[in-house]
Amino acid sequence: MNPTFLPWLITITCLLIVASAFTFVISSSRTRNEDYDDIVKRSYKFRKIFFIVFLLGGIIITSLTMKNLPYDAHAKVSGDVIKVNATGHQWYWDIDKTHFIVGQPVIFNVTSADVNHGFGIYNDKLTLLNQTQAMPGYINKLVHTFDKPGKYKILCLEYCGLSHHAMVAELTVTEQ
């Protein structure tokens, strides 16, 4: 099954539920006092226009934002890709490759051998650049392309025990 199918299905189902609720409210509130007929007609017209604009806007925004879901980001990467296996342990990272080249896409296959860990890539100023969860029995794919040479750190973002603070690995990125 395509990994983007479920988010699309959930979004469209929720939009249909909201549209059904609006339709029900509009259709069930047609009977009013004759003294207010003119006001009611204008407000229903405004409400109908507002609903149509809201619905069309929601469909447009949803279609524009859902096409770039991160779930299939690794499928969009082309060229010379480096695949790296990263496993979190209490309290260290086991990473099978730590030297990379600027501009080359890297797919980190991140998992855990024991408890949940957070796999965060930080630059030399300790700014978080990218992150995913490391979970036992599951592999998360994290795609990252380093754009500058230097030293990068992998820090655990999920408290995993007494030595959580020492769970640090270092990556080196060079020009060639």
Protein backbone atom coordinates (compact mmCIF):
# COMPACT_ATOMS: atom_id res chain seq x y z
CA MET A 1 0.00 0.00 0.00
CA ASN A 2 1.24 3.47 -0.85
CA PRO A 3 2.35 5.21 2.40
CA THR A 4 0.54 8.43 1.44
CA PHE A 5 -2.80 6.66 0.90
CA LEU A 6 -3.84 6.58 4.58
CA PRO A 7 -3.30 10.33 5.28
CA TRP A 8 -5.19 11.18 2.09
CA LEU A 9 -8.04 8.84 3.06
CA ILE A 10 -8.28 10.30 6.56
CA THR A 11 -8.23 13.89 5.24
CA ILE A 12 -10.89 13.31 2.62
CA THR A 13 -13.06 11.39 5.09
CA CYS A 14 -12.84 14.27 7.60
CA LEU A 15 -13.65 16.81 4.88
CA LEU A 16 -16.71 14.77 3.89
CA ILE A 17 -17.84 14.60 7.53
CA VAL A 18 -17.49 18.39 7.91
CA ALA A 19 -19.30 18.96 4.59
CA SER A 20 -22.09 16.62 5.70
CA ALA A 21 -22.47 18.48 9.00
CA PHE A 22 -22.68 21.83 7.19
CA THR A 23 -25.20 20.41 4.71
CA PHE A 24 -27.32 18.97 7.52
CA VAL A 25 -27.37 22.27 9.43
CA ILE A 26 -28.24 24.26 6.30
CA SER A 27 -31.01 21.90 5.20
CA SER A 28 -32.55 21.47 8.67
CA SER A 29 -32.80 25.18 9.45
CA ARG A 30 -35.01 26.29 6.55
CA THR A 31 -38.23 27.03 8.53
CA ARG A 32 -38.26 30.46 10.15
CA ASN A 33 -40.69 33.19 11.11
CA GLU A 34 -41.99 35.22 8.12
CA ASP A 35 -40.91 38.49 9.75
CA TYR A 36 -37.32 37.53 9.34
CA ASP A 37 -37.50 35.95 5.89
CA ASP A 38 -35.46 38.68 4.20
CA ILE A 39 -32.73 38.61 6.85
CA VAL A 40 -32.70 34.81 6.91
CA LYS A 41 -32.41 34.59 3.12
CA ARG A 42 -29.45 36.98 3.10
CA SER A 43 -27.72 35.22 5.98
CA TYR A 44 -28.28 31.79 4.37
CA LYS A 45 -26.90 33.11 1.12
CA PHE A 46 -23.86 34.47 2.95
CA ARG A 47 -23.46 31.22 4.88
CA LYS A 48 -23.74 29.15 1.69
CA ILE A 49 -21.12 31.31 -0.06
CA PHE A 50 -18.88 31.14 3.01
CA PHE A 51 -19.24 27.35 3.10
CA ILE A 52 -18.40 26.97 -0.59
CA VAL A 53 -15.36 29.25 -0.28
CA PHE A 54 -14.27 27.40 2.88
CA LEU A 55 -14.72 24.01 1.21
CA LEU A 56 -12.88 25.01 -1.98
CA GLY A 57 -10.10 26.62 0.04
CA GLY A 58 -9.78 23.49 2.17
CA ILE A 59 -9.59 21.27 -0.89
CA ILE A 60 -6.97 23.50 -2.53
CA ILE A 61 -4.83 23.80 0.61
CA THR A 62 -5.11 20.07 1.30
CA SER A 63 -4.13 19.09 -2.22
CA LEU A 64 -1.16 21.48 -2.23
CA THR A 65 0.18 20.39 1.16
CA MET A 66 -0.53 16.66 1.00
CA LYS A 67 1.52 16.11 -2.16
CA ASN A 68 4.74 16.83 -0.24
CA LEU A 69 4.26 14.49 2.69
CA PRO A 70 7.51 13.33 4.26
CA TYR A 71 6.41 9.68 4.28
CA ASP A 72 7.78 9.06 0.82
CA ALA A 73 10.70 11.50 0.92
CA HIS A 74 13.22 8.67 0.53
CA ALA A 75 11.49 7.63 -2.70
CA LYS A 76 12.10 11.09 -4.22
CA VAL A 77 15.85 11.01 -3.58
CA SER A 78 17.82 10.18 -6.68
CA GLY A 79 21.44 9.94 -7.65
CA ASP A 80 24.24 8.57 -5.54
CA VAL A 81 22.51 7.92 -2.20
CA ILE A 82 24.30 6.72 0.92
CA LYS A 83 22.33 4.34 3.14
CA VAL A 84 23.30 4.33 6.80
CA ASN A 85 22.05 2.04 9.55
CA ALA A 86 21.74 3.74 12.94
CA THR A 87 20.71 1.81 16.04
CA GLY A 88 20.10 3.40 19.42
CA HIS A 89 21.20 1.56 22.54
CA GLN A 90 21.16 2.61 26.16
CA TRP A 91 23.31 4.86 25.97
CA TYR A 92 25.12 5.06 22.67
CA TRP A 93 24.53 5.11 18.93
CA ASP A 94 25.72 2.31 16.65
CA ILE A 95 26.12 4.02 13.25
CA ASP A 96 27.76 2.06 10.44
CA LYS A 97 29.01 5.15 8.53
CA THR A 98 30.02 8.51 10.00
CA HIS A 99 31.87 10.26 7.13
CA PHE A 100 29.87 11.98 4.40
CA ILE A 101 30.31 14.33 1.45
CA VAL A 102 28.58 17.71 1.11
CA GLY A 103 25.54 17.56 -1.18
CA GLN A 104 25.20 13.78 -1.19
CA PRO A 105 21.80 12.54 0.05
CA VAL A 106 21.92 10.22 3.04
CA ILE A 107 19.13 7.87 4.08
CA PHE A 108 19.41 6.99 7.76
CA ASN A 109 17.64 3.72 8.63
CA VAL A 110 16.99 4.41 12.31
CA THR A 111 15.92 1.82 14.88
CA SER A 112 16.46 0.96 18.53
CA ALA A 113 17.73 -2.15 20.26
CA ASP A 114 16.04 -1.49 23.60
CA VAL A 115 13.82 1.55 24.33
CA ASN A 116 12.58 4.57 22.36
CA HIS A 117 15.23 7.11 21.44
CA GLY A 118 15.09 10.33 19.47
CA PHE A 119 17.57 10.58 16.59
CA GLY A 120 18.41 14.26 16.10
CA ILE A 121 21.01 15.69 13.71
CA TYR A 122 22.58 18.92 15.01
CA ASN A 123 25.06 21.30 13.38
CA ASP A 124 28.12 22.77 15.15
CA LYS A 125 25.94 25.46 16.78
CA LEU A 126 23.63 22.74 18.14
CA THR A 127 20.75 23.75 15.90
CA LEU A 128 18.44 20.82 15.20
CA LEU A 129 18.49 20.10 11.45
CA ASN A 130 16.46 16.90 11.20
CA GLN A 131 15.05 14.24 13.49
CA THR A 132 13.09 11.01 13.75
CA GLN A 133 12.20 8.42 16.37
CA ALA A 134 14.26 5.29 17.01
CA MET A 135 11.85 2.57 18.10
CA PRO A 136 12.46 -1.10 18.85
CA GLY A 137 11.24 -3.40 16.09
CA TYR A 138 10.66 -0.59 13.60
CA ILE A 139 12.89 1.23 11.08
CA ASN A 140 12.26 4.91 10.41
CA LYS A 141 13.88 6.35 7.29
CA LEU A 142 15.31 9.84 7.62
CA VAL A 143 16.60 11.57 4.48
CA HIS A 144 19.11 14.35 4.96
CA THR A 145 21.57 16.13 2.67
CA PHE A 146 24.40 17.94 4.42
CA ASP A 147 24.96 21.33 2.77
CA LYS A 148 28.10 22.43 4.63
CA PRO A 149 31.28 20.66 5.69
CA GLY A 150 31.98 20.25 9.38
CA LYS A 151 31.20 18.20 12.45
CA TYR A 152 27.59 17.24 13.17
CA LYS A 153 26.23 15.61 16.28
CA ILE A 154 23.62 12.94 16.74
CA LEU A 155 21.85 13.46 20.06
CA CYS A 156 19.08 11.45 21.66
CA LEU A 157 15.87 13.50 21.94
CA GLU A 158 13.89 11.02 24.04
CA TYR A 159 14.78 10.50 27.69
CA CYS A 160 16.07 6.92 27.78
CA GLY A 161 17.58 6.51 31.23
CA LEU A 162 20.37 7.63 33.53
CA SER A 163 23.04 8.28 30.89
CA HIS A 164 20.71 9.83 28.32
CA HIS A 165 22.80 13.03 28.32
CA ALA A 166 25.89 11.08 27.17
CA MET A 167 24.17 9.52 24.15
CA VAL A 168 26.09 11.47 21.50
CA ALA A 169 27.64 10.44 18.20
CA GLU A 170 29.60 12.58 15.78
CA LEU A 171 29.42 12.77 11.99
CA THR A 172 32.05 14.32 9.76
CA VAL A 173 31.11 16.01 6.48
CA THR A 174 33.80 17.00 3.96
CA GLU A 175 33.89 18.68 0.54
CA GLN A 176 35.16 15.53 -1.25
